[in-house]
Amino acid sequence: EKTWLPGNPRTAPAEFWEFVGERSARGNEVFTIEDEEMGEGIQLHFYADSVARITTVREGKGGADPEYRVEYSLVDGMSGYRNLVSAFVRGGCAALDEHGPWMSDAAEFERARRRRDAD
């Protein structure tokens, strides 16, 4: 885990990609960047050319687990991942709308991924 704070001389995307570069050679294929204050994050799935955007719907209270909304999208190469990370850093999950389509149904997403891989 690595934390980036505003005022850091390096941009959040630069820090994130350095973190990924240092760890991806060890077989890590899933990386997450979060905005804890906003309760949002994106999870990059390098093994499947896909991404998940995660938003907190309801905070956990009184020992209850929080409730999250998870939506999936396909990614076209490393430039697609870079665009998603930059958009997320600039505007959170809302800034990712134009990078869809986003699917909340995991089975629907898996079918879309398999269709893409078959082409």
PDB file of N, CA and C in Angstrom:
ATOM      1  N   GLU A   1       0.843  -1.183   0.000  1.00  0.00           N
ATOM      2  CA  GLU A   1       0.000   0.000   0.000  1.00  0.00           C
ATOM      3  C   GLU A   1       0.879   1.232   0.000  1.00  0.00           C
ATOM      4  N   LYS A   2       0.447   2.239  -0.732  1.00  0.00           N
ATOM      5  CA  LYS A   2       1.162   3.505  -0.798  1.00  0.00           C
ATOM      6  C   LYS A   2       0.123   4.614  -0.792  1.00  0.00           C
ATOM      7  N   THR A   3       0.361   5.651  -0.015  1.00  0.00           N
ATOM      8  CA  THR A   3      -0.588   6.752   0.095  1.00  0.00           C
ATOM      9  C   THR A   3      -0.022   7.979  -0.591  1.00  0.00           C
ATOM     10  N   TRP A   4      -0.854   8.619  -1.398  1.00  0.00           N
ATOM     11  CA  TRP A   4      -0.500   9.886  -2.029  1.00  0.00           C
ATOM     12  C   TRP A   4      -1.342  10.974  -1.390  1.00  0.00           C
ATOM     13  N   LEU A   5      -0.731  12.125  -1.098  1.00  0.00           N
ATOM     14  CA  LEU A   5      -1.457  13.242  -0.500  1.00  0.00           C
ATOM     15  C   LEU A   5      -1.310  14.475  -1.379  1.00  0.00           C
ATOM     16  N   PRO A   6      -2.342  15.313  -1.436  1.00  0.00           N
ATOM     17  CA  PRO A   6      -2.224  16.568  -2.186  1.00  0.00           C
ATOM     18  C   PRO A   6      -1.016  17.357  -1.689  1.00  0.00           C
ATOM     19  N   GLY A   7      -0.353  18.023  -2.600  1.00  0.00           N
ATOM     20  CA  GLY A   7       0.851  18.758  -2.254  1.00  0.00           C
ATOM     21  C   GLY A   7       2.116  17.965  -2.526  1.00  0.00           C
ATOM     22  N   ASN A   8       1.964  16.674  -2.802  1.00  0.00           N
ATOM     23  CA  ASN A   8       3.098  15.835  -3.166  1.00  0.00           C
ATOM     24  C   ASN A   8       3.681  16.379  -4.464  1.00  0.00           C
ATOM     25  N   PRO A   9       5.010  16.465  -4.584  1.00  0.00           N
ATOM     26  CA  PRO A   9       5.588  17.014  -5.816  1.00  0.00           C
ATOM     27  C   PRO A   9       5.311  16.159  -7.062  1.00  0.00           C
ATOM     28  N   ARG A  10       5.033  14.891  -6.888  1.00  0.00           N
ATOM     29  CA  ARG A  10       4.701  14.021  -8.024  1.00  0.00           C
ATOM     30  C   ARG A  10       3.193  13.850  -8.092  1.00  0.00           C
ATOM     31  N   THR A  11       2.691  13.657  -9.300  1.00  0.00           N
ATOM     32  CA  THR A  11       1.251  13.471  -9.465  1.00  0.00           C
ATOM     33  C   THR A  11       0.824  12.109  -8.934  1.00  0.00           C
ATOM     34  N   ALA A  12      -0.455  12.005  -8.602  1.00  0.00           N
ATOM     35  CA  ALA A  12      -0.995  10.724  -8.140  1.00  0.00           C
ATOM     36  C   ALA A  12      -0.829   9.639  -9.201  1.00  0.00           C
ATOM     37  N   PRO A  13      -1.132   9.922 -10.494  1.00  0.00           N
ATOM     38  CA  PRO A  13      -0.906   8.868 -11.496  1.00  0.00           C
ATOM     39  C   PRO A  13       0.559   8.430 -11.577  1.00  0.00           C
ATOM     40  N   ALA A  14       1.497   9.374 -11.485  1.00  0.00           N
ATOM     41  CA  ALA A  14       2.919   9.005 -11.547  1.00  0.00           C
ATOM     42  C   ALA A  14       3.289   8.092 -10.379  1.00  0.00           C
ATOM     43  N   GLU A  15       2.821   8.422  -9.193  1.00  0.00           N
ATOM     44  CA  GLU A  15       3.089   7.584  -8.018  1.00  0.00           C
ATOM     45  C   GLU A  15       2.460   6.202  -8.174  1.00  0.00           C
ATOM     46  N   PHE A  16       1.223   6.174  -8.667  1.00  0.00           N
ATOM     47  CA  PHE A  16       0.527   4.901  -8.840  1.00  0.00           C
ATOM     48  C   PHE A  16       1.265   4.012  -9.829  1.00  0.00           C
ATOM     49  N   TRP A  17       1.648   4.564 -10.989  1.00  0.00           N
ATOM     50  CA  TRP A  17       2.308   3.735 -12.005  1.00  0.00           C
ATOM     51  C   TRP A  17       3.690   3.286 -11.549  1.00  0.00           C
ATOM     52  N   GLU A  18       4.371   4.085 -10.736  1.00  0.00           N
ATOM     53  CA  GLU A  18       5.641   3.631 -10.161  1.00  0.00           C
ATOM     54  C   GLU A  18       5.386   2.440  -9.232  1.00  0.00           C
ATOM     55  N   PHE A  19       4.368   2.550  -8.406  1.00  0.00           N
ATOM     56  CA  PHE A  19       3.976   1.465  -7.502  1.00  0.00           C
ATOM     57  C   PHE A  19       3.675   0.196  -8.298  1.00  0.00           C
ATOM     58  N   VAL A  20       2.890   0.310  -9.355  1.00  0.00           N
ATOM     59  CA  VAL A  20       2.554  -0.836 -10.208  1.00  0.00           C
ATOM     60  C   VAL A  20       3.822  -1.423 -10.819  1.00  0.00           C
ATOM     61  N   GLY A  21       4.685  -0.564 -11.345  1.00  0.00           N
ATOM     62  CA  GLY A  21       5.919  -1.030 -11.970  1.00  0.00           C
ATOM     63  C   GLY A  21       6.811  -1.810 -11.020  1.00  0.00           C
ATOM     64  N   GLU A  22       6.859  -1.384  -9.774  1.00  0.00           N
ATOM     65  CA  GLU A  22       7.685  -2.063  -8.772  1.00  0.00           C
ATOM     66  C   GLU A  22       7.126  -3.422  -8.373  1.00  0.00           C
ATOM     67  N   ARG A  23       5.830  -3.626  -8.545  1.00  0.00           N
ATOM     68  CA  ARG A  23       5.199  -4.843  -8.044  1.00  0.00           C
ATOM     69  C   ARG A  23       4.663  -5.790  -9.106  1.00  0.00           C
ATOM     70  N   SER A  24       4.457  -5.320 -10.305  1.00  0.00           N
ATOM     71  CA  SER A  24       3.834  -6.179 -11.317  1.00  0.00           C
ATOM     72  C   SER A  24       4.748  -7.312 -11.769  1.00  0.00           C
ATOM     73  N   ALA A  25       6.036  -7.143 -11.687  1.00  0.00           N
ATOM     74  CA  ALA A  25       6.964  -8.197 -12.105  1.00  0.00           C
ATOM     75  C   ALA A  25       6.884  -9.413 -11.184  1.00  0.00           C
ATOM     76  N   ARG A  26       6.331  -9.251 -10.003  1.00  0.00           N
ATOM     77  CA  ARG A  26       6.230 -10.350  -9.046  1.00  0.00           C
ATOM     78  C   ARG A  26       4.948 -11.150  -9.218  1.00  0.00           C
ATOM     79  N   GLY A  27       4.317 -11.012 -10.369  1.00  0.00           N
ATOM     80  CA  GLY A  27       3.111 -11.790 -10.630  1.00  0.00           C
ATOM     81  C   GLY A  27       1.827 -11.120 -10.190  1.00  0.00           C
ATOM     82  N   ASN A  28       1.915  -9.916  -9.657  1.00  0.00           N
ATOM     83  CA  ASN A  28       0.704  -9.189  -9.272  1.00  0.00           C
ATOM     84  C   ASN A  28       0.010  -8.689 -10.529  1.00  0.00           C
ATOM     85  N   GLU A  29      -1.269  -8.984 -10.662  1.00  0.00           N
ATOM     86  CA  GLU A  29      -2.005  -8.579 -11.855  1.00  0.00           C
ATOM     87  C   GLU A  29      -3.256  -7.771 -11.547  1.00  0.00           C
ATOM     88  N   VAL A  30      -3.486  -7.464 -10.272  1.00  0.00           N
ATOM     89  CA  VAL A  30      -4.634  -6.655  -9.871  1.00  0.00           C
ATOM     90  C   VAL A  30      -4.120  -5.524  -8.983  1.00  0.00           C
ATOM     91  N   PHE A  31      -4.457  -4.295  -9.370  1.00  0.00           N
ATOM     92  CA  PHE A  31      -4.039  -3.119  -8.613  1.00  0.00           C
ATOM     93  C   PHE A  31      -5.232  -2.207  -8.412  1.00  0.00           C
ATOM     94  N   THR A  32      -5.274  -1.560  -7.251  1.00  0.00           N
ATOM     95  CA  THR A  32      -6.390  -0.688  -6.897  1.00  0.00           C
ATOM     96  C   THR A  32      -5.878   0.699  -6.558  1.00  0.00           C
ATOM     97  N   ILE A  33      -6.595   1.703  -7.033  1.00  0.00           N
ATOM     98  CA  ILE A  33      -6.341   3.081  -6.621  1.00  0.00           C
ATOM     99  C   ILE A  33      -7.643   3.583  -6.009  1.00  0.00           C
ATOM    100  N   GLU A  34      -7.526   4.170  -4.809  1.00  0.00           N
ATOM    101  CA  GLU A  34      -8.717   4.568  -4.051  1.00  0.00           C
ATOM    102  C   GLU A  34      -8.673   6.041  -3.683  1.00  0.00           C
ATOM    103  N   ASP A  35      -9.847   6.620  -3.572  1.00  0.00           N
ATOM    104  CA  ASP A  35     -10.031   7.919  -2.941  1.00  0.00           C
ATOM    105  C   ASP A  35     -10.838   7.622  -1.681  1.00  0.00           C
ATOM    106  N   GLU A  36     -10.144   7.468  -0.567  1.00  0.00           N
ATOM    107  CA  GLU A  36     -10.806   7.058   0.670  1.00  0.00           C
ATOM    108  C   GLU A  36     -11.835   8.081   1.135  1.00  0.00           C
ATOM    109  N   GLU A  37     -11.544   9.372   0.961  1.00  0.00           N
ATOM    110  CA  GLU A  37     -12.498  10.403   1.384  1.00  0.00           C
ATOM    111  C   GLU A  37     -13.814  10.295   0.628  1.00  0.00           C
ATOM    112  N   MET A  38     -13.745  10.017  -0.671  1.00  0.00           N
ATOM    113  CA  MET A  38     -14.946   9.920  -1.503  1.00  0.00           C
ATOM    114  C   MET A  38     -15.594   8.538  -1.426  1.00  0.00           C
ATOM    115  N   GLY A  39     -14.855   7.552  -0.918  1.00  0.00           N
ATOM    116  CA  GLY A  39     -15.383   6.188  -0.866  1.00  0.00           C
ATOM    117  C   GLY A  39     -15.457   5.557  -2.242  1.00  0.00           C
ATOM    118  N   GLU A  40     -14.469   5.866  -3.084  1.00  0.00           N
ATOM    119  CA  GLU A  40     -14.444   5.366  -4.461  1.00  0.00           C
ATOM    120  C   GLU A  40     -13.091   4.752  -4.777  1.00  0.00           C
ATOM    121  N   GLY A  41     -13.085   3.889  -5.778  1.00  0.00           N
ATOM    122  CA  GLY A  41     -11.835   3.317  -6.239  1.00  0.00           C
ATOM    123  C   GLY A  41     -12.013   2.631  -7.573  1.00  0.00           C
ATOM    124  N   ILE A  42     -10.890   2.352  -8.202  1.00  0.00           N
ATOM    125  CA  ILE A  42     -10.907   1.512  -9.398  1.00  0.00           C
ATOM    126  C   ILE A  42      -9.887   0.403  -9.203  1.00  0.00           C
ATOM    127  N   GLN A  43     -10.234  -0.745  -9.703  1.00  0.00           N
ATOM    128  CA  GLN A  43      -9.381  -1.922  -9.600  1.00  0.00           C
ATOM    129  C   GLN A  43      -9.035  -2.355 -11.018  1.00  0.00           C
ATOM    130  N   LEU A  44      -7.745  -2.361 -11.324  1.00  0.00           N
ATOM    131  CA  LEU A  44      -7.267  -2.744 -12.648  1.00  0.00           C
ATOM    132  C   LEU A  44      -6.982  -4.233 -12.658  1.00  0.00           C
ATOM    133  N   HIS A  45      -7.543  -4.940 -13.622  1.00  0.00           N
ATOM    134  CA  HIS A  45      -7.348  -6.392 -13.762  1.00  0.00           C
ATOM    135  C   HIS A  45      -6.516  -6.633 -15.017  1.00  0.00           C
ATOM    136  N   PHE A  46      -5.201  -6.607 -14.872  1.00  0.00           N
ATOM    137  CA  PHE A  46      -4.330  -6.762 -16.035  1.00  0.00           C
ATOM    138  C   PHE A  46      -4.491  -8.129 -16.695  1.00  0.00           C
ATOM    139  N   TYR A  47      -4.809  -9.155 -15.926  1.00  0.00           N
ATOM    140  CA  TYR A  47      -4.936 -10.506 -16.471  1.00  0.00           C
ATOM    141  C   TYR A  47      -6.144 -10.642 -17.390  1.00  0.00           C
ATOM    142  N   ALA A  48      -7.122  -9.747 -17.273  1.00  0.00           N
ATOM    143  CA  ALA A  48      -8.368  -9.874 -18.038  1.00  0.00           C
ATOM    144  C   ALA A  48      -8.659  -8.651 -18.900  1.00  0.00           C
ATOM    145  N   ASP A  49      -7.696  -7.724 -19.003  1.00  0.00           N
ATOM    146  CA  ASP A  49      -7.923  -6.485 -19.759  1.00  0.00           C
ATOM    147  C   ASP A  49      -9.243  -5.846 -19.354  1.00  0.00           C
ATOM    148  N   SER A  50      -9.416  -5.670 -18.043  1.00  0.00           N
ATOM    149  CA  SER A  50     -10.667  -5.124 -17.534  1.00  0.00           C
ATOM    150  C   SER A  50     -10.408  -4.260 -16.304  1.00  0.00           C
ATOM    151  N   VAL A  51     -11.458  -3.566 -15.907  1.00  0.00           N
ATOM    152  CA  VAL A  51     -11.394  -2.681 -14.749  1.00  0.00           C
ATOM    153  C   VAL A  51     -12.723  -2.758 -14.011  1.00  0.00           C
ATOM    154  N   ALA A  52     -12.659  -2.550 -12.708  1.00  0.00           N
ATOM    155  CA  ALA A  52     -13.875  -2.427 -11.902  1.00  0.00           C
ATOM    156  C   ALA A  52     -13.846  -1.062 -11.231  1.00  0.00           C
ATOM    157  N   ARG A  53     -14.974  -0.361 -11.272  1.00  0.00           N
ATOM    158  CA  ARG A  53     -15.075   0.874 -10.486  1.00  0.00           C
ATOM    159  C   ARG A  53     -15.991   0.573  -9.308  1.00  0.00           C
ATOM    160  N   ILE A  54     -15.558   1.042  -8.158  1.00  0.00           N
ATOM    161  CA  ILE A  54     -16.208   0.672  -6.905  1.00  0.00           C
ATOM    162  C   ILE A  54     -16.597   1.952  -6.174  1.00  0.00           C
ATOM    163  N   THR A  55     -17.865   2.053  -5.829  1.00  0.00           N
ATOM    164  CA  THR A  55     -18.336   3.209  -5.068  1.00  0.00           C
ATOM    165  C   THR A  55     -19.049   2.723  -3.807  1.00  0.00           C
ATOM    166  N   THR A  56     -18.850   3.454  -2.742  1.00  0.00           N
ATOM    167  CA  THR A  56     -19.521   3.133  -1.489  1.00  0.00           C
ATOM    168  C   THR A  56     -20.950   3.658  -1.559  1.00  0.00           C
ATOM    169  N   VAL A  57     -21.907   2.761  -1.431  1.00  0.00           N
ATOM    170  CA  VAL A  57     -23.319   3.129  -1.450  1.00  0.00           C
ATOM    171  C   VAL A  57     -23.775   3.500  -0.039  1.00  0.00           C
ATOM    172  N   ARG A  58     -23.309   2.718   0.948  1.00  0.00           N
ATOM    173  CA  ARG A  58     -23.702   2.950   2.332  1.00  0.00           C
ATOM    174  C   ARG A  58     -22.532   2.566   3.233  1.00  0.00           C
ATOM    175  N   GLU A  59     -22.170   3.493   4.117  1.00  0.00           N
ATOM    176  CA  GLU A  59     -21.108   3.233   5.086  1.00  0.00           C
ATOM    177  C   GLU A  59     -21.559   2.164   6.072  1.00  0.00           C
ATOM    178  N   GLY A  60     -20.613   1.364   6.529  1.00  0.00           N
ATOM    179  CA  GLY A  60     -20.927   0.386   7.565  1.00  0.00           C
ATOM    180  C   GLY A  60     -21.065   1.072   8.914  1.00  0.00           C
ATOM    181  N   LYS A  61     -22.124   0.789   9.613  1.00  0.00           N
ATOM    182  CA  LYS A  61     -22.358   1.397  10.932  1.00  0.00           C
ATOM    183  C   LYS A  61     -22.732   0.302  11.922  1.00  0.00           C
ATOM    184  N   GLY A  62     -22.310   0.485  13.146  1.00  0.00           N
ATOM    185  CA  GLY A  62     -22.672  -0.467  14.192  1.00  0.00           C
ATOM    186  C   GLY A  62     -22.181  -1.874  13.918  1.00  0.00           C
ATOM    187  N   GLY A  63     -21.003  -1.995  13.326  1.00  0.00           N
ATOM    188  CA  GLY A  63     -20.440  -3.309  13.037  1.00  0.00           C
ATOM    189  C   GLY A  63     -20.879  -3.906  11.714  1.00  0.00           C
ATOM    190  N   ALA A  64     -21.803  -3.240  11.021  1.00  0.00           N
ATOM    191  CA  ALA A  64     -22.259  -3.745   9.718  1.00  0.00           C
ATOM    192  C   ALA A  64     -21.227  -3.426   8.644  1.00  0.00           C
ATOM    193  N   ASP A  65     -21.145  -4.297   7.663  1.00  0.00           N
ATOM    194  CA  ASP A  65     -20.250  -4.061   6.539  1.00  0.00           C
ATOM    195  C   ASP A  65     -20.800  -2.949   5.658  1.00  0.00           C
ATOM    196  N   PRO A  66     -19.911  -2.165   5.032  1.00  0.00           N
ATOM    197  CA  PRO A  66     -20.394  -1.167   4.079  1.00  0.00           C
ATOM    198  C   PRO A  66     -20.995  -1.853   2.855  1.00  0.00           C
ATOM    199  N   GLU A  67     -21.791  -1.110   2.117  1.00  0.00           N
ATOM    200  CA  GLU A  67     -22.376  -1.627   0.875  1.00  0.00           C
ATOM    201  C   GLU A  67     -21.710  -0.902  -0.294  1.00  0.00           C
ATOM    202  N   TYR A  68     -21.276  -1.678  -1.285  1.00  0.00           N
ATOM    203  CA  TYR A  68     -20.576  -1.124  -2.443  1.00  0.00           C
ATOM    204  C   TYR A  68     -21.337  -1.417  -3.726  1.00  0.00           C
ATOM    205  N   ARG A  69     -21.178  -0.531  -4.697  1.00  0.00           N
ATOM    206  CA  ARG A  69     -21.639  -0.795  -6.059  1.00  0.00           C
ATOM    207  C   ARG A  69     -20.377  -1.050  -6.881  1.00  0.00           C
ATOM    208  N   VAL A  70     -20.364  -2.157  -7.604  1.00  0.00           N
ATOM    209  CA  VAL A  70     -19.221  -2.524  -8.437  1.00  0.00           C
ATOM    210  C   VAL A  70     -19.701  -2.615  -9.873  1.00  0.00           C
ATOM    211  N   GLU A  71     -18.985  -1.933 -10.759  1.00  0.00           N
ATOM    212  CA  GLU A  71     -19.291  -1.966 -12.188  1.00  0.00           C
ATOM    213  C   GLU A  71     -18.011  -2.296 -12.938  1.00  0.00           C
ATOM    214  N   TYR A  72     -18.157  -3.046 -14.029  1.00  0.00           N
ATOM    215  CA  TYR A  72     -17.013  -3.550 -14.782  1.00  0.00           C
ATOM    216  C   TYR A  72     -17.002  -2.984 -16.196  1.00  0.00           C
ATOM    217  N   SER A  73     -15.799  -2.873 -16.744  1.00  0.00           N
ATOM    218  CA  SER A  73     -15.657  -2.465 -18.137  1.00  0.00           C
ATOM    219  C   SER A  73     -14.413  -3.132 -18.714  1.00  0.00           C
ATOM    220  N   LEU A  74     -14.411  -3.298 -20.022  1.00  0.00           N
ATOM    221  CA  LEU A  74     -13.256  -3.838 -20.727  1.00  0.00           C
ATOM    222  C   LEU A  74     -12.265  -2.709 -20.990  1.00  0.00           C
ATOM    223  N   VAL A  75     -10.991  -3.058 -21.064  1.00  0.00           N
ATOM    224  CA  VAL A  75      -9.936  -2.075 -21.285  1.00  0.00           C
ATOM    225  C   VAL A  75      -9.135  -2.492 -22.505  1.00  0.00           C
ATOM    226  N   ASP A  76      -8.769  -1.515 -23.312  1.00  0.00           N
ATOM    227  CA  ASP A  76      -7.999  -1.769 -24.523  1.00  0.00           C
ATOM    228  C   ASP A  76      -6.549  -1.349 -24.309  1.00  0.00           C
ATOM    229  N   GLY A  77      -5.747  -2.258 -23.803  1.00  0.00           N
ATOM    230  CA  GLY A  77      -4.312  -2.037 -23.667  1.00  0.00           C
ATOM    231  C   GLY A  77      -3.905  -1.099 -22.540  1.00  0.00           C
ATOM    232  N   MET A  78      -2.593  -0.944 -22.405  1.00  0.00           N
ATOM    233  CA  MET A  78      -2.035  -0.135 -21.321  1.00  0.00           C
ATOM    234  C   MET A  78      -2.456   1.325 -21.431  1.00  0.00           C
ATOM    235  N   SER A  79      -2.604   1.844 -22.644  1.00  0.00           N
ATOM    236  CA  SER A  79      -3.039   3.238 -22.775  1.00  0.00           C
ATOM    237  C   SER A  79      -4.449   3.407 -22.213  1.00  0.00           C
ATOM    238  N   GLY A  80      -5.286   2.398 -22.363  1.00  0.00           N
ATOM    239  CA  GLY A  80      -6.623   2.444 -21.775  1.00  0.00           C
ATOM    240  C   GLY A  80      -6.563   2.516 -20.261  1.00  0.00           C
ATOM    241  N   TYR A  81      -5.677   1.722 -19.657  1.00  0.00           N
ATOM    242  CA  TYR A  81      -5.512   1.777 -18.203  1.00  0.00           C
ATOM    243  C   TYR A  81      -5.018   3.159 -17.765  1.00  0.00           C
ATOM    244  N   ARG A  82      -4.049   3.688 -18.497  1.00  0.00           N
ATOM    245  CA  ARG A  82      -3.508   5.010 -18.142  1.00  0.00           C
ATOM    246  C   ARG A  82      -4.592   6.085 -18.218  1.00  0.00           C
ATOM    247  N   ASN A  83      -5.417   6.028 -19.259  1.00  0.00           N
ATOM    248  CA  ASN A  83      -6.510   6.998 -19.390  1.00  0.00           C
ATOM    249  C   ASN A  83      -7.492   6.880 -18.229  1.00  0.00           C
ATOM    250  N   LEU A  84      -7.819   5.655 -17.839  1.00  0.00           N
ATOM    251  CA  LEU A  84      -8.751   5.439 -16.729  1.00  0.00           C
ATOM    252  C   LEU A  84      -8.195   5.978 -15.415  1.00  0.00           C
ATOM    253  N   VAL A  85      -6.932   5.693 -15.137  1.00  0.00           N
ATOM    254  CA  VAL A  85      -6.324   6.176 -13.894  1.00  0.00           C
ATOM    255  C   VAL A  85      -6.305   7.702 -13.876  1.00  0.00           C
ATOM    256  N   SER A  86      -5.904   8.317 -14.983  1.00  0.00           N
ATOM    257  CA  SER A  86      -5.869   9.783 -15.042  1.00  0.00           C
ATOM    258  C   SER A  86      -7.258  10.377 -14.855  1.00  0.00           C
ATOM    259  N   ALA A  87      -8.256   9.804 -15.515  1.00  0.00           N
ATOM    260  CA  ALA A  87      -9.627  10.303 -15.374  1.00  0.00           C
ATOM    261  C   ALA A  87     -10.110  10.148 -13.937  1.00  0.00           C
ATOM    262  N   PHE A  88      -9.822   9.008 -13.318  1.00  0.00           N
ATOM    263  CA  PHE A  88     -10.246   8.779 -11.936  1.00  0.00           C
ATOM    264  C   PHE A  88      -9.609   9.801 -10.998  1.00  0.00           C
ATOM    265  N   VAL A  89      -8.318  10.056 -11.171  1.00  0.00           N
ATOM    266  CA  VAL A  89      -7.628  11.013 -10.307  1.00  0.00           C
ATOM    267  C   VAL A  89      -8.223  12.410 -10.478  1.00  0.00           C
ATOM    268  N   ARG A  90      -8.584  12.770 -11.699  1.00  0.00           N
ATOM    269  CA  ARG A  90      -9.155  14.098 -11.956  1.00  0.00           C
ATOM    270  C   ARG A  90     -10.574  14.252 -11.418  1.00  0.00           C
ATOM    271  N   GLY A  91     -11.391  13.192 -11.517  1.00  0.00           N
ATOM    272  CA  GLY A  91     -12.798  13.393 -11.191  1.00  0.00           C
ATOM    273  C   GLY A  91     -13.516  12.236 -10.546  1.00  0.00           C
ATOM    274  N   GLY A  92     -12.797  11.266 -10.017  1.00  0.00           N
ATOM    275  CA  GLY A  92     -13.438  10.140  -9.346  1.00  0.00           C
ATOM    276  C   GLY A  92     -14.201   9.246 -10.301  1.00  0.00           C
ATOM    277  N   CYS A  93     -15.056   8.417  -9.749  1.00  0.00           N
ATOM    278  CA  CYS A  93     -15.802   7.449 -10.559  1.00  0.00           C
ATOM    279  C   CYS A  93     -16.706   8.120 -11.581  1.00  0.00           C
ATOM    280  N   ALA A  94     -17.237   9.299 -11.258  1.00  0.00           N
ATOM    281  CA  ALA A  94     -18.113   9.999 -12.210  1.00  0.00           C
ATOM    282  C   ALA A  94     -17.369  10.331 -13.497  1.00  0.00           C
ATOM    283  N   ALA A  95     -16.073  10.601 -13.403  1.00  0.00           N
ATOM    284  CA  ALA A  95     -15.279  10.940 -14.584  1.00  0.00           C
ATOM    285  C   ALA A  95     -15.044   9.732 -15.487  1.00  0.00           C
ATOM    286  N   LEU A  96     -15.392   8.547 -15.014  1.00  0.00           N
ATOM    287  CA  LEU A  96     -15.180   7.328 -15.797  1.00  0.00           C
ATOM    288  C   LEU A  96     -16.375   6.978 -16.677  1.00  0.00           C
ATOM    289  N   ASP A  97     -17.483   7.699 -16.531  1.00  0.00           N
ATOM    290  CA  ASP A  97     -18.688   7.377 -17.304  1.00  0.00           C
ATOM    291  C   ASP A  97     -18.397   7.254 -18.793  1.00  0.00           C
ATOM    292  N   GLU A  98     -17.644   8.187 -19.339  1.00  0.00           N
ATOM    293  CA  GLU A  98     -17.363   8.189 -20.779  1.00  0.00           C
ATOM    294  C   GLU A  98     -16.432   7.062 -21.211  1.00  0.00           C
ATOM    295  N   HIS A  99     -15.854   6.362 -20.262  1.00  0.00           N
ATOM    296  CA  HIS A  99     -14.923   5.273 -20.579  1.00  0.00           C
ATOM    297  C   HIS A  99     -15.614   3.912 -20.532  1.00  0.00           C
ATOM    298  N   GLY A 100     -16.933   3.888 -20.563  1.00  0.00           N
ATOM    299  CA  GLY A 100     -17.716   2.651 -20.486  1.00  0.00           C
ATOM    300  C   GLY A 100     -17.818   1.969 -21.823  1.00  0.00           C
ATOM    301  N   PRO A 101     -18.759   1.083 -22.010  1.00  0.00           N
ATOM    302  CA  PRO A 101     -19.900   0.874 -21.128  1.00  0.00           C
ATOM    303  C   PRO A 101     -19.495   0.172 -19.828  1.00  0.00           C
ATOM    304  N   TRP A 102     -20.271   0.452 -18.769  1.00  0.00           N
ATOM    305  CA  TRP A 102     -20.069  -0.134 -17.461  1.00  0.00           C
ATOM    306  C   TRP A 102     -21.188  -1.124 -17.190  1.00  0.00           C
ATOM    307  N   MET A 103     -20.815  -2.291 -16.694  1.00  0.00           N
ATOM    308  CA  MET A 103     -21.784  -3.362 -16.436  1.00  0.00           C
ATOM    309  C   MET A 103     -21.758  -3.726 -14.957  1.00  0.00           C
ATOM    310  N   SER A 104     -22.915  -3.719 -14.328  1.00  0.00           N
ATOM    311  CA  SER A 104     -22.973  -4.078 -12.910  1.00  0.00           C
ATOM    312  C   SER A 104     -23.192  -5.574 -12.710  1.00  0.00           C
ATOM    313  N   ASP A 105     -23.626  -6.254 -13.747  1.00  0.00           N
ATOM    314  CA  ASP A 105     -23.863  -7.693 -13.672  1.00  0.00           C
ATOM    315  C   ASP A 105     -22.570  -8.425 -14.045  1.00  0.00           C
ATOM    316  N   ALA A 106     -21.990  -9.132 -13.078  1.00  0.00           N
ATOM    317  CA  ALA A 106     -20.712  -9.814 -13.312  1.00  0.00           C
ATOM    318  C   ALA A 106     -20.817 -10.867 -14.406  1.00  0.00           C
ATOM    319  N   ALA A 107     -21.932 -11.582 -14.487  1.00  0.00           N
ATOM    320  CA  ALA A 107     -22.106 -12.604 -15.528  1.00  0.00           C
ATOM    321  C   ALA A 107     -22.185 -11.957 -16.906  1.00  0.00           C
ATOM    322  N   GLU A 108     -22.899 -10.840 -17.008  1.00  0.00           N
ATOM    323  CA  GLU A 108     -22.977 -10.108 -18.279  1.00  0.00           C
ATOM    324  C   GLU A 108     -21.591  -9.632 -18.702  1.00  0.00           C
ATOM    325  N   PHE A 109     -20.842  -9.119 -17.726  1.00  0.00           N
ATOM    326  CA  PHE A 109     -19.487  -8.660 -18.018  1.00  0.00           C
ATOM    327  C   PHE A 109     -18.614  -9.817 -18.504  1.00  0.00           C
ATOM    328  N   GLU A 110     -18.691 -10.952 -17.841  1.00  0.00           N
ATOM    329  CA  GLU A 110     -17.872 -12.106 -18.238  1.00  0.00           C
ATOM    330  C   GLU A 110     -18.216 -12.550 -19.652  1.00  0.00           C
ATOM    331  N   ARG A 111     -19.489 -12.530 -20.022  1.00  0.00           N
ATOM    332  CA  ARG A 111     -19.879 -12.867 -21.402  1.00  0.00           C
ATOM    333  C   ARG A 111     -19.278 -11.870 -22.387  1.00  0.00           C
ATOM    334  N   ALA A 112     -19.302 -10.587 -22.062  1.00  0.00           N
ATOM    335  CA  ALA A 112     -18.719  -9.562 -22.936  1.00  0.00           C
ATOM    336  C   ALA A 112     -17.217  -9.772 -23.073  1.00  0.00           C
ATOM    337  N   ARG A 113     -16.568 -10.118 -21.972  1.00  0.00           N
ATOM    338  CA  ARG A 113     -15.118 -10.350 -22.007  1.00  0.00           C
ATOM    339  C   ARG A 113     -14.783 -11.550 -22.886  1.00  0.00           C
ATOM    340  N   ARG A 114     -15.546 -12.614 -22.769  1.00  0.00           N
ATOM    341  CA  ARG A 114     -15.295 -13.814 -23.578  1.00  0.00           C
ATOM    342  C   ARG A 114     -15.562 -13.560 -25.057  1.00  0.00           C
ATOM    343  N   ARG A 115     -16.605 -12.780 -25.357  1.00  0.00           N
ATOM    344  CA  ARG A 115     -16.872 -12.422 -26.761  1.00  0.00           C
ATOM    345  C   ARG A 115     -15.703 -11.635 -27.332  1.00  0.00           C
ATOM    346  N   ARG A 116     -15.200 -10.690 -26.564  1.00  0.00           N
ATOM    347  CA  ARG A 116     -14.068  -9.896 -27.028  1.00  0.00           C
ATOM    348  C   ARG A 116     -12.840 -10.778 -27.251  1.00  0.00           C
ATOM    349  N   ASP A 117     -12.581 -11.674 -26.330  1.00  0.00           N
ATOM    350  CA  ASP A 117     -11.414 -12.547 -26.443  1.00  0.00           C
ATOM    351  C   ASP A 117     -11.531 -13.513 -27.610  1.00  0.00           C
ATOM    352  N   ALA A 118     -12.755 -13.863 -28.000  1.00  0.00           N
ATOM    353  CA  ALA A 118     -12.965 -14.791 -29.118  1.00  0.00           C
ATOM    354  C   ALA A 118     -12.744 -14.109 -30.471  1.00  0.00           C
ATOM    355  N   ASP A 119     -12.882 -12.784 -30.495  1.00  0.00           N
ATOM    356  CA  ASP A 119     -12.716 -12.047 -31.767  1.00  0.00           C
ATOM    357  C   ASP A 119     -11.286 -11.935 -32.201  1.00  0.00           C
TER     358      ASP A 119
END
